[in-house]
PDB file of N, CA and C in Angstrom:
ATOM      1  N   MET A   1       1.257  -7.268 -10.839  1.00  0.00           N
ATOM      2  CA  MET A   1       1.684  -8.399 -10.189  1.00  0.00           C
ATOM      3  C   MET A   1       3.069  -8.845 -10.939  1.00  0.00           C
ATOM      4  N   ARG A   2       3.932  -9.241 -10.177  1.00  0.00           N
ATOM      5  CA  ARG A   2       5.067  -9.832 -10.582  1.00  0.00           C
ATOM      6  C   ARG A   2       5.224 -11.231 -10.666  1.00  0.00           C
ATOM      7  N   LEU A   3       5.348 -11.958 -11.680  1.00  0.00           N
ATOM      8  CA  LEU A   3       5.489 -13.283 -11.780  1.00  0.00           C
ATOM      9  C   LEU A   3       6.922 -13.893 -11.671  1.00  0.00           C
ATOM     10  N   PRO A   4       7.101 -15.031 -11.053  1.00  0.00           N
ATOM     11  CA  PRO A   4       8.357 -15.471 -10.686  1.00  0.00           C
ATOM     12  C   PRO A   4       9.278 -15.835 -12.082  1.00  0.00           C
ATOM     13  N   ASN A   5       8.645 -16.196 -13.005  1.00  0.00           N
ATOM     14  CA  ASN A   5       9.340 -16.517 -14.308  1.00  0.00           C
ATOM     15  C   ASN A   5       9.688 -15.364 -15.142  1.00  0.00           C
ATOM     16  N   GLU A   6       9.650 -14.109 -14.653  1.00  0.00           N
ATOM     17  CA  GLU A   6      10.038 -12.894 -15.249  1.00  0.00           C
ATOM     18  C   GLU A   6       9.050 -12.479 -16.259  1.00  0.00           C
ATOM     19  N   GLN A   7       7.774 -13.037 -16.494  1.00  0.00           N
ATOM     20  CA  GLN A   7       6.786 -12.863 -17.362  1.00  0.00           C
ATOM     21  C   GLN A   7       6.005 -11.725 -16.625  1.00  0.00           C
ATOM     22  N   SER A   8       5.501 -10.671 -17.401  1.00  0.00           N
ATOM     23  CA  SER A   8       4.557  -9.776 -16.893  1.00  0.00           C
ATOM     24  C   SER A   8       3.176 -10.337 -17.124  1.00  0.00           C
ATOM     25  N   ARG A   9       2.217  -9.481 -16.855  1.00  0.00           N
ATOM     26  CA  ARG A   9       0.840 -10.035 -17.120  1.00  0.00           C
ATOM     27  C   ARG A   9       0.391  -9.502 -18.498  1.00  0.00           C
ATOM     28  N   ARG A  10       1.348  -8.753 -19.218  1.00  0.00           N
ATOM     29  CA  ARG A  10       1.139  -8.441 -20.549  1.00  0.00           C
ATOM     30  C   ARG A  10       1.709  -9.529 -21.504  1.00  0.00           C
ATOM     31  N   PRO A  11       0.897 -10.301 -22.259  1.00  0.00           N
ATOM     32  CA  PRO A  11       1.314 -11.429 -22.986  1.00  0.00           C
ATOM     33  C   PRO A  11       2.492 -10.896 -23.950  1.00  0.00           C
ATOM     34  N   GLY A  12       3.528 -11.694 -23.979  1.00  0.00           N
ATOM     35  CA  GLY A  12       4.688 -11.517 -24.798  1.00  0.00           C
ATOM     36  C   GLY A  12       5.625 -10.593 -24.361  1.00  0.00           C
ATOM     37  N   LYS A  13       5.397 -10.034 -23.207  1.00  0.00           N
ATOM     38  CA  LYS A  13       6.287  -8.958 -22.657  1.00  0.00           C
ATOM     39  C   LYS A  13       7.017  -9.353 -21.542  1.00  0.00           C
ATOM     40  N   LEU A  14       8.474  -9.438 -21.515  1.00  0.00           N
ATOM     41  CA  LEU A  14       9.222  -9.725 -20.465  1.00  0.00           C
ATOM     42  C   LEU A  14       9.469  -8.490 -19.491  1.00  0.00           C
ATOM     43  N   LEU A  15       9.593  -8.707 -18.292  1.00  0.00           N
ATOM     44  CA  LEU A  15       9.939  -7.718 -17.360  1.00  0.00           C
ATOM     45  C   LEU A  15      11.246  -7.115 -17.649  1.00  0.00           C
ATOM     46  N   ARG A  16      11.428  -5.874 -17.408  1.00  0.00           N
ATOM     47  CA  ARG A  16      12.677  -5.280 -17.519  1.00  0.00           C
ATOM     48  C   ARG A  16      13.113  -5.005 -16.196  1.00  0.00           C
ATOM     49  N   PRO A  17      14.539  -4.500 -15.951  1.00  0.00           N
ATOM     50  CA  PRO A  17      14.902  -4.517 -14.455  1.00  0.00           C
ATOM     51  C   PRO A  17      14.052  -3.280 -13.827  1.00  0.00           C
ATOM     52  N   TRP A  18      13.685  -2.237 -14.548  1.00  0.00           N
ATOM     53  CA  TRP A  18      13.028  -1.186 -13.833  1.00  0.00           C
ATOM     54  C   TRP A  18      11.555  -1.641 -13.615  1.00  0.00           C
ATOM     55  N   ASP A  19      11.078  -2.676 -14.242  1.00  0.00           N
ATOM     56  CA  ASP A  19       9.646  -3.115 -13.843  1.00  0.00           C
ATOM     57  C   ASP A  19       9.550  -3.646 -12.560  1.00  0.00           C
ATOM     58  N   VAL A  20      10.708  -4.167 -12.079  1.00  0.00           N
ATOM     59  CA  VAL A  20      10.718  -4.986 -10.998  1.00  0.00           C
ATOM     60  C   VAL A  20      10.862  -4.266  -9.594  1.00  0.00           C
ATOM     61  N   ALA A  21      11.361  -3.109  -9.653  1.00  0.00           N
ATOM     62  CA  ALA A  21      11.560  -2.173  -8.419  1.00  0.00           C
ATOM     63  C   ALA A  21       9.992  -1.745  -8.041  1.00  0.00           C
ATOM     64  N   ALA A  22       9.852  -1.867  -6.631  1.00  0.00           N
ATOM     65  CA  ALA A  22       8.664  -1.465  -5.963  1.00  0.00           C
ATOM     66  C   ALA A  22       8.438   0.081  -6.229  1.00  0.00           C
ATOM     67  N   THR A  23       7.203   0.400  -6.442  1.00  0.00           N
ATOM     68  CA  THR A  23       6.788   1.758  -6.423  1.00  0.00           C
ATOM     69  C   THR A  23       6.571   2.269  -5.103  1.00  0.00           C
ATOM     70  N   PRO A  24       6.552   3.613  -5.033  1.00  0.00           N
ATOM     71  CA  PRO A  24       6.352   4.256  -3.785  1.00  0.00           C
ATOM     72  C   PRO A  24       5.030   3.718  -3.011  1.00  0.00           C
ATOM     73  N   LEU A  25       4.022   3.525  -3.779  1.00  0.00           N
ATOM     74  CA  LEU A  25       2.833   3.197  -3.298  1.00  0.00           C
ATOM     75  C   LEU A  25       2.892   1.714  -2.788  1.00  0.00           C
ATOM     76  N   GLU A  26       3.699   0.836  -3.457  1.00  0.00           N
ATOM     77  CA  GLU A  26       3.612  -0.676  -3.117  1.00  0.00           C
ATOM     78  C   GLU A  26       4.508  -0.629  -1.861  1.00  0.00           C
ATOM     79  N   LEU A  27       5.592   0.154  -1.650  1.00  0.00           N
ATOM     80  CA  LEU A  27       6.333   0.192  -0.484  1.00  0.00           C
ATOM     81  C   LEU A  27       5.623   0.732   0.654  1.00  0.00           C
ATOM     82  N   ALA A  28       4.770   1.678   0.508  1.00  0.00           N
ATOM     83  CA  ALA A  28       3.848   2.222   1.594  1.00  0.00           C
ATOM     84  C   ALA A  28       2.886   1.273   2.003  1.00  0.00           C
ATOM     85  N   LEU A  29       2.245   0.472   1.215  1.00  0.00           N
ATOM     86  CA  LEU A  29       1.348  -0.529   1.450  1.00  0.00           C
ATOM     87  C   LEU A  29       2.079  -1.627   2.155  1.00  0.00           C
ATOM     88  N   ALA A  30       3.210  -2.063   1.829  1.00  0.00           N
ATOM     89  CA  ALA A  30       3.938  -3.147   2.589  1.00  0.00           C
ATOM     90  C   ALA A  30       4.240  -2.500   3.963  1.00  0.00           C
ATOM     91  N   ARG A  31       4.712  -1.355   4.123  1.00  0.00           N
ATOM     92  CA  ARG A  31       5.063  -0.738   5.449  1.00  0.00           C
ATOM     93  C   ARG A  31       3.836  -0.780   6.267  1.00  0.00           C
ATOM     94  N   GLY A  32       2.702  -0.280   5.752  1.00  0.00           N
ATOM     95  CA  GLY A  32       1.488  -0.331   6.584  1.00  0.00           C
ATOM     96  C   GLY A  32       1.136  -1.882   7.043  1.00  0.00           C
ATOM     97  N   HIS A  33       1.252  -2.678   6.117  1.00  0.00           N
ATOM     98  CA  HIS A  33       0.946  -4.203   6.555  1.00  0.00           C
ATOM     99  C   HIS A  33       1.945  -4.620   7.560  1.00  0.00           C
ATOM    100  N   ARG A  34       3.138  -4.306   7.449  1.00  0.00           N
ATOM    101  CA  ARG A  34       4.232  -4.850   8.384  1.00  0.00           C
ATOM    102  C   ARG A  34       3.862  -4.234   9.786  1.00  0.00           C
ATOM    103  N   TRP A  35       3.591  -2.957   9.693  1.00  0.00           N
ATOM    104  CA  TRP A  35       3.228  -2.300  11.029  1.00  0.00           C
ATOM    105  C   TRP A  35       2.050  -2.853  11.766  1.00  0.00           C
ATOM    106  N   LEU A  36       1.031  -2.931  11.039  1.00  0.00           N
ATOM    107  CA  LEU A  36      -0.170  -3.589  11.482  1.00  0.00           C
ATOM    108  C   LEU A  36      -0.013  -5.000  12.141  1.00  0.00           C
ATOM    109  N   ALA A  37       0.843  -5.820  11.289  1.00  0.00           N
ATOM    110  CA  ALA A  37       1.178  -7.184  11.768  1.00  0.00           C
ATOM    111  C   ALA A  37       2.000  -7.184  13.044  1.00  0.00           C
ATOM    112  N   MET A  38       2.986  -6.000  13.184  1.00  0.00           N
ATOM    113  CA  MET A  38       3.616  -5.957  14.570  1.00  0.00           C
ATOM    114  C   MET A  38       2.574  -5.619  15.680  1.00  0.00           C
ATOM    115  N   LEU A  39       1.459  -4.898  15.411  1.00  0.00           N
ATOM    116  CA  LEU A  39       0.360  -4.546  16.435  1.00  0.00           C
ATOM    117  C   LEU A  39      -0.334  -5.757  16.708  1.00  0.00           C
ATOM    118  N   GLU A  40      -0.901  -6.496  15.619  1.00  0.00           N
ATOM    119  CA  GLU A  40      -1.646  -7.525  15.833  1.00  0.00           C
ATOM    120  C   GLU A  40      -0.920  -8.802  16.488  1.00  0.00           C
ATOM    121  N   TYR A  41       0.253  -8.995  16.239  1.00  0.00           N
ATOM    122  CA  TYR A  41       1.063 -10.130  16.841  1.00  0.00           C
ATOM    123  C   TYR A  41       1.588  -9.775  18.152  1.00  0.00           C
ATOM    124  N   GLY A  42       1.407  -8.508  18.621  1.00  0.00           N
ATOM    125  CA  GLY A  42       1.852  -8.051  19.921  1.00  0.00           C
ATOM    126  C   GLY A  42       3.422  -7.852  20.206  1.00  0.00           C
ATOM    127  N   LYS A  43       4.040  -7.620  19.054  1.00  0.00           N
ATOM    128  CA  LYS A  43       5.477  -7.297  18.921  1.00  0.00           C
ATOM    129  C   LYS A  43       5.511  -5.662  19.457  1.00  0.00           C
ATOM    130  N   LEU A  44       4.456  -4.942  19.125  1.00  0.00           N
ATOM    131  CA  LEU A  44       4.570  -3.618  19.671  1.00  0.00           C
ATOM    132  C   LEU A  44       3.183  -3.426  20.189  1.00  0.00           C
ATOM    133  N   LYS A  45       3.027  -2.447  21.076  1.00  0.00           N
ATOM    134  CA  LYS A  45       1.643  -2.355  21.668  1.00  0.00           C
ATOM    135  C   LYS A  45       0.791  -1.201  21.208  1.00  0.00           C
ATOM    136  N   ASN A  46       1.423  -0.186  20.420  1.00  0.00           N
ATOM    137  CA  ASN A  46       0.533   0.964  19.931  1.00  0.00           C
ATOM    138  C   ASN A  46       1.446   1.676  18.922  1.00  0.00           C
ATOM    139  N   LEU A  47       0.815   2.566  18.167  1.00  0.00           N
ATOM    140  CA  LEU A  47       1.547   3.419  17.206  1.00  0.00           C
ATOM    141  C   LEU A  47       2.605   4.035  17.666  1.00  0.00           C
ATOM    142  N   THR A  48       2.538   4.635  18.887  1.00  0.00           N
ATOM    143  CA  THR A  48       3.619   5.462  19.342  1.00  0.00           C
ATOM    144  C   THR A  48       4.829   4.583  19.543  1.00  0.00           C
ATOM    145  N   GLU A  49       4.869   3.248  19.814  1.00  0.00           N
ATOM    146  CA  GLU A  49       5.963   2.482  19.846  1.00  0.00           C
ATOM    147  C   GLU A  49       6.552   2.178  18.368  1.00  0.00           C
ATOM    148  N   ILE A  50       5.619   2.238  17.364  1.00  0.00           N
ATOM    149  CA  ILE A  50       6.145   2.259  16.097  1.00  0.00           C
ATOM    150  C   ILE A  50       6.833   3.489  15.563  1.00  0.00           C
ATOM    151  N   VAL A  51       6.319   4.526  16.056  1.00  0.00           N
ATOM    152  CA  VAL A  51       6.996   5.963  15.826  1.00  0.00           C
ATOM    153  C   VAL A  51       8.347   5.912  16.385  1.00  0.00           C
ATOM    154  N   ALA A  52       8.505   5.505  17.652  1.00  0.00           N
ATOM    155  CA  ALA A  52       9.715   5.473  18.336  1.00  0.00           C
ATOM    156  C   ALA A  52      10.834   4.425  17.616  1.00  0.00           C
ATOM    157  N   LEU A  53      10.300   3.287  17.339  1.00  0.00           N
ATOM    158  CA  LEU A  53      11.111   2.329  16.624  1.00  0.00           C
ATOM    159  C   LEU A  53      11.660   2.812  15.229  1.00  0.00           C
ATOM    160  N   GLU A  54      10.877   3.429  14.486  1.00  0.00           N
ATOM    161  CA  GLU A  54      10.918   3.729  13.252  1.00  0.00           C
ATOM    162  C   GLU A  54      11.631   4.993  12.943  1.00  0.00           C
ATOM    163  N   GLY A  55      11.412   5.938  13.934  1.00  0.00           N
ATOM    164  CA  GLY A  55      11.954   7.353  13.868  1.00  0.00           C
ATOM    165  C   GLY A  55      11.179   8.175  12.894  1.00  0.00           C
ATOM    166  N   VAL A  56       9.817   7.795  12.911  1.00  0.00           N
ATOM    167  CA  VAL A  56       9.010   8.685  11.777  1.00  0.00           C
ATOM    168  C   VAL A  56       7.827   9.430  12.586  1.00  0.00           C
ATOM    169  N   ASP A  57       7.263  10.177  11.966  1.00  0.00           N
ATOM    170  CA  ASP A  57       6.004  10.841  12.595  1.00  0.00           C
ATOM    171  C   ASP A  57       4.833  10.192  12.812  1.00  0.00           C
ATOM    172  N   ASN A  58       4.084  10.474  13.701  1.00  0.00           N
ATOM    173  CA  ASN A  58       2.845   9.756  14.175  1.00  0.00           C
ATOM    174  C   ASN A  58       1.949   9.682  13.072  1.00  0.00           C
ATOM    175  N   SER A  59       1.695  10.819  12.401  1.00  0.00           N
ATOM    176  CA  SER A  59       0.631  10.875  11.396  1.00  0.00           C
ATOM    177  C   SER A  59       1.241   9.963  10.167  1.00  0.00           C
ATOM    178  N   TYR A  60       2.353   9.874   9.808  1.00  0.00           N
ATOM    179  CA  TYR A  60       2.820   9.077   8.852  1.00  0.00           C
ATOM    180  C   TYR A  60       2.542   7.696   9.125  1.00  0.00           C
ATOM    181  N   VAL A  61       2.777   7.237  10.237  1.00  0.00           N
ATOM    182  CA  VAL A  61       2.404   5.704  10.694  1.00  0.00           C
ATOM    183  C   VAL A  61       0.960   5.512  10.519  1.00  0.00           C
ATOM    184  N   SER A  62       0.308   6.488  10.879  1.00  0.00           N
ATOM    185  CA  SER A  62      -1.393   6.390  10.822  1.00  0.00           C
ATOM    186  C   SER A  62      -1.775   6.231   9.377  1.00  0.00           C
ATOM    187  N   ARG A  63      -1.208   7.027   8.531  1.00  0.00           N
ATOM    188  CA  ARG A  63      -1.513   6.886   7.118  1.00  0.00           C
ATOM    189  C   ARG A  63      -1.152   5.608   6.381  1.00  0.00           C
ATOM    190  N   MET A  64       0.180   5.231   6.720  1.00  0.00           N
ATOM    191  CA  MET A  64       0.533   3.879   6.232  1.00  0.00           C
ATOM    192  C   MET A  64      -0.442   2.716   6.629  1.00  0.00           C
ATOM    193  N   VAL A  65      -0.685   2.789   8.007  1.00  0.00           N
ATOM    194  CA  VAL A  65      -1.605   1.638   8.562  1.00  0.00           C
ATOM    195  C   VAL A  65      -3.040   1.820   7.931  1.00  0.00           C
ATOM    196  N   ASN A  66      -3.595   3.029   7.527  1.00  0.00           N
ATOM    197  CA  ASN A  66      -4.716   3.280   6.812  1.00  0.00           C
ATOM    198  C   ASN A  66      -4.892   2.535   5.482  1.00  0.00           C
ATOM    199  N   LEU A  67      -3.655   2.271   4.894  1.00  0.00           N
ATOM    200  CA  LEU A  67      -3.636   1.718   3.490  1.00  0.00           C
ATOM    201  C   LEU A  67      -4.093   0.207   3.774  1.00  0.00           C
ATOM    202  N   THR A  68      -3.927  -0.251   4.890  1.00  0.00           N
ATOM    203  CA  THR A  68      -4.352  -1.770   5.072  1.00  0.00           C
ATOM    204  C   THR A  68      -5.843  -1.954   4.978  1.00  0.00           C
ATOM    205  N   LYS A  69      -6.553  -0.821   5.104  1.00  0.00           N
ATOM    206  CA  LYS A  69      -8.178  -0.924   5.037  1.00  0.00           C
ATOM    207  C   LYS A  69      -8.726  -0.671   3.559  1.00  0.00           C
ATOM    208  N   LEU A  70      -7.687  -0.603   2.539  1.00  0.00           N
ATOM    209  CA  LEU A  70      -8.305  -0.581   1.226  1.00  0.00           C
ATOM    210  C   LEU A  70      -8.922  -1.646   0.759  1.00  0.00           C
ATOM    211  N   ALA A  71      -9.891  -1.576  -0.272  1.00  0.00           N
ATOM    212  CA  ALA A  71     -10.636  -2.507  -0.900  1.00  0.00           C
ATOM    213  C   ALA A  71      -9.614  -3.485  -1.600  1.00  0.00           C
ATOM    214  N   PRO A  72      -9.831  -4.734  -1.777  1.00  0.00           N
ATOM    215  CA  PRO A  72      -9.045  -5.489  -2.437  1.00  0.00           C
ATOM    216  C   PRO A  72      -8.598  -5.153  -3.889  1.00  0.00           C
ATOM    217  N   ASP A  73      -9.549  -4.659  -4.729  1.00  0.00           N
ATOM    218  CA  ASP A  73      -9.242  -4.292  -5.925  1.00  0.00           C
ATOM    219  C   ASP A  73      -8.524  -2.996  -6.127  1.00  0.00           C
ATOM    220  N   ILE A  74      -8.413  -2.272  -5.176  1.00  0.00           N
ATOM    221  CA  ILE A  74      -7.638  -1.157  -5.017  1.00  0.00           C
ATOM    222  C   ILE A  74      -6.165  -1.427  -4.707  1.00  0.00           C
ATOM    223  N   VAL A  75      -6.060  -2.246  -3.748  1.00  0.00           N
ATOM    224  CA  VAL A  75      -4.807  -2.917  -3.467  1.00  0.00           C
ATOM    225  C   VAL A  75      -4.289  -3.592  -4.779  1.00  0.00           C
ATOM    226  N   GLU A  76      -4.901  -4.358  -5.457  1.00  0.00           N
ATOM    227  CA  GLU A  76      -4.576  -5.019  -6.710  1.00  0.00           C
ATOM    228  C   GLU A  76      -4.054  -3.885  -7.685  1.00  0.00           C
ATOM    229  N   ALA A  77      -4.796  -2.736  -7.838  1.00  0.00           N
ATOM    230  CA  ALA A  77      -4.405  -1.726  -8.639  1.00  0.00           C
ATOM    231  C   ALA A  77      -3.169  -0.934  -8.316  1.00  0.00           C
ATOM    232  N   ILE A  78      -2.910  -1.017  -7.020  1.00  0.00           N
ATOM    233  CA  ILE A  78      -1.639  -0.518  -6.431  1.00  0.00           C
ATOM    234  C   ILE A  78      -0.505  -1.370  -6.912  1.00  0.00           C
ATOM    235  N   LEU A  79      -0.616  -2.735  -6.671  1.00  0.00           N
ATOM    236  CA  LEU A  79       0.321  -3.654  -7.033  1.00  0.00           C
ATOM    237  C   LEU A  79       0.532  -3.820  -8.563  1.00  0.00           C
ATOM    238  N   GLU A  80      -0.594  -3.542  -9.233  1.00  0.00           N
ATOM    239  CA  GLU A  80      -0.335  -3.605 -10.829  1.00  0.00           C
ATOM    240  C   GLU A  80       0.076  -2.331 -11.384  1.00  0.00           C
ATOM    241  N   ASP A  81       0.211  -1.145 -10.534  1.00  0.00           N
ATOM    242  CA  ASP A  81       0.436   0.051 -10.966  1.00  0.00           C
ATOM    243  C   ASP A  81      -0.521   0.610 -12.080  1.00  0.00           C
ATOM    244  N   THR A  82      -1.722   0.277 -11.787  1.00  0.00           N
ATOM    245  CA  THR A  82      -2.805   0.850 -12.694  1.00  0.00           C
ATOM    246  C   THR A  82      -3.862   1.824 -12.124  1.00  0.00           C
ATOM    247  N   LEU A  83      -3.444   2.317 -10.940  1.00  0.00           N
ATOM    248  CA  LEU A  83      -4.331   3.386 -10.484  1.00  0.00           C
ATOM    249  C   LEU A  83      -4.376   4.757 -11.339  1.00  0.00           C
ATOM    250  N   PRO A  84      -5.380   5.436 -11.376  1.00  0.00           N
ATOM    251  CA  PRO A  84      -5.301   6.755 -12.256  1.00  0.00           C
ATOM    252  C   PRO A  84      -4.153   7.554 -11.779  1.00  0.00           C
ATOM    253  N   ASP A  85      -3.628   8.223 -12.881  1.00  0.00           N
ATOM    254  CA  ASP A  85      -2.410   8.883 -12.684  1.00  0.00           C
ATOM    255  C   ASP A  85      -2.496  10.018 -11.733  1.00  0.00           C
ATOM    256  N   HIS A  86      -3.707  10.584 -11.533  1.00  0.00           N
ATOM    257  CA  HIS A  86      -3.799  11.753 -10.651  1.00  0.00           C
ATOM    258  C   HIS A  86      -3.723  11.537  -9.076  1.00  0.00           C
ATOM    259  N   LEU A  87      -3.927  10.122  -8.919  1.00  0.00           N
ATOM    260  CA  LEU A  87      -3.910   9.771  -7.340  1.00  0.00           C
ATOM    261  C   LEU A  87      -2.647   9.716  -6.868  1.00  0.00           C
ATOM    262  N   THR A  88      -2.744  10.337  -5.471  1.00  0.00           N
ATOM    263  CA  THR A  88      -1.248  10.298  -4.802  1.00  0.00           C
ATOM    264  C   THR A  88      -1.439   9.378  -3.582  1.00  0.00           C
ATOM    265  N   LEU A  89      -0.334   9.056  -2.916  1.00  0.00           N
ATOM    266  CA  LEU A  89      -0.281   8.360  -1.558  1.00  0.00           C
ATOM    267  C   LEU A  89      -1.317   9.110  -0.500  1.00  0.00           C
ATOM    268  N   PHE A  90      -1.252  10.347  -0.601  1.00  0.00           N
ATOM    269  CA  PHE A  90      -2.123  11.163   0.254  1.00  0.00           C
ATOM    270  C   PHE A  90      -3.615  10.928   0.051  1.00  0.00           C
ATOM    271  N   ASP A  91      -3.889  10.808  -1.225  1.00  0.00           N
ATOM    272  CA  ASP A  91      -5.364  10.544  -1.557  1.00  0.00           C
ATOM    273  C   ASP A  91      -5.904   9.337  -0.853  1.00  0.00           C
ATOM    274  N   LEU A  92      -5.107   8.345  -0.941  1.00  0.00           N
ATOM    275  CA  LEU A  92      -5.420   6.955  -0.525  1.00  0.00           C
ATOM    276  C   LEU A  92      -5.294   6.739   0.947  1.00  0.00           C
ATOM    277  N   ALA A  93      -4.323   7.459   1.568  1.00  0.00           N
ATOM    278  CA  ALA A  93      -3.961   7.167   2.890  1.00  0.00           C
ATOM    279  C   ALA A  93      -4.669   8.018   4.035  1.00  0.00           C
ATOM    280  N   VAL A  94      -5.015   9.198   3.539  1.00  0.00           N
ATOM    281  CA  VAL A  94      -5.622   9.990   4.492  1.00  0.00           C
ATOM    282  C   VAL A  94      -7.127   9.874   4.559  1.00  0.00           C
ATOM    283  N   ASP A  95      -7.566   9.451   5.761  1.00  0.00           N
ATOM    284  CA  ASP A  95      -9.085   9.270   6.126  1.00  0.00           C
ATOM    285  C   ASP A  95      -9.839   8.457   4.953  1.00  0.00           C
ATOM    286  N   PRO A  96      -9.370   7.219   4.763  1.00  0.00           N
ATOM    287  CA  PRO A  96     -10.032   6.509   3.720  1.00  0.00           C
ATOM    288  C   PRO A  96     -11.485   6.004   4.240  1.00  0.00           C
ATOM    289  N   PRO A  97     -12.506   6.107   3.418  1.00  0.00           N
ATOM    290  CA  PRO A  97     -13.809   5.662   3.722  1.00  0.00           C
ATOM    291  C   PRO A  97     -13.668   4.202   4.260  1.00  0.00           C
ATOM    292  N   ALA A  98     -14.534   3.965   5.268  1.00  0.00           N
ATOM    293  CA  ALA A  98     -14.681   2.529   5.785  1.00  0.00           C
ATOM    294  C   ALA A  98     -15.292   1.576   4.877  1.00  0.00           C
ATOM    295  N   LEU A  99     -16.203   2.051   4.152  1.00  0.00           N
ATOM    296  CA  LEU A  99     -16.864   1.150   3.046  1.00  0.00           C
ATOM    297  C   LEU A  99     -16.012   1.109   1.759  1.00  0.00           C
ATOM    298  N   TRP A 100     -15.918  -0.091   1.228  1.00  0.00           N
ATOM    299  CA  TRP A 100     -15.110  -0.200   0.085  1.00  0.00           C
ATOM    300  C   TRP A 100     -15.686   0.429  -1.163  1.00  0.00           C
ATOM    301  N   GLU A 101     -17.035   0.407  -1.180  1.00  0.00           N
ATOM    302  CA  GLU A 101     -17.847   1.112  -2.360  1.00  0.00           C
ATOM    303  C   GLU A 101     -17.422   2.686  -2.480  1.00  0.00           C
ATOM    304  N   GLU A 102     -17.323   3.330  -1.204  1.00  0.00           N
ATOM    305  CA  GLU A 102     -17.146   4.616  -1.115  1.00  0.00           C
ATOM    306  C   GLU A 102     -15.737   4.959  -1.429  1.00  0.00           C
ATOM    307  N   GLN A 103     -14.664   4.088  -1.084  1.00  0.00           N
ATOM    308  CA  GLN A 103     -13.433   4.012  -1.503  1.00  0.00           C
ATOM    309  C   GLN A 103     -13.248   4.105  -3.057  1.00  0.00           C
ATOM    310  N   ARG A 104     -13.917   3.300  -3.723  1.00  0.00           N
ATOM    311  CA  ARG A 104     -13.996   3.130  -5.212  1.00  0.00           C
ATOM    312  C   ARG A 104     -14.518   4.431  -5.748  1.00  0.00           C
ATOM    313  N   LEU A 105     -15.592   4.910  -5.166  1.00  0.00           N
ATOM    314  CA  LEU A 105     -16.086   6.203  -5.740  1.00  0.00           C
ATOM    315  C   LEU A 105     -15.248   7.349  -5.770  1.00  0.00           C
ATOM    316  N   ARG A 106     -14.298   7.342  -4.617  1.00  0.00           N
ATOM    317  CA  ARG A 106     -13.366   8.351  -4.442  1.00  0.00           C
ATOM    318  C   ARG A 106     -12.261   8.267  -5.508  1.00  0.00           C
ATOM    319  N   ILE A 107     -11.896   7.016  -5.927  1.00  0.00           N
ATOM    320  CA  ILE A 107     -10.706   6.679  -6.666  1.00  0.00           C
ATOM    321  C   ILE A 107     -11.251   6.694  -8.235  1.00  0.00           C
ATOM    322  N   TRP A 108     -12.205   6.161  -8.518  1.00  0.00           N
ATOM    323  CA  TRP A 108     -12.643   6.031  -9.985  1.00  0.00           C
ATOM    324  C   TRP A 108     -13.876   6.639 -10.351  1.00  0.00           C
TER     325      TRP A 108
END
């Protein structure tokens, strides 16, 4: 979590410029939420329209939207960059379990 006063969550530690750039997982999560919002608010009708608009692959869009189904603590770990090092975007975005507890078991 990035705080507006340039403080990190680590006491006594200021954020450095490279600490403020979004990680690839953070960008993917944001993209998935943006696309889901476009669908929910009727800006686009389906994933195919997102594919055409963004010029990306259908499976890529599906994977990014899948990130919106992750448990809140997993999303927090993405934003805090505290997920286990072995996890990849593919691990999180491809066919995540519907139940949050099953997601946690897969990750931790």
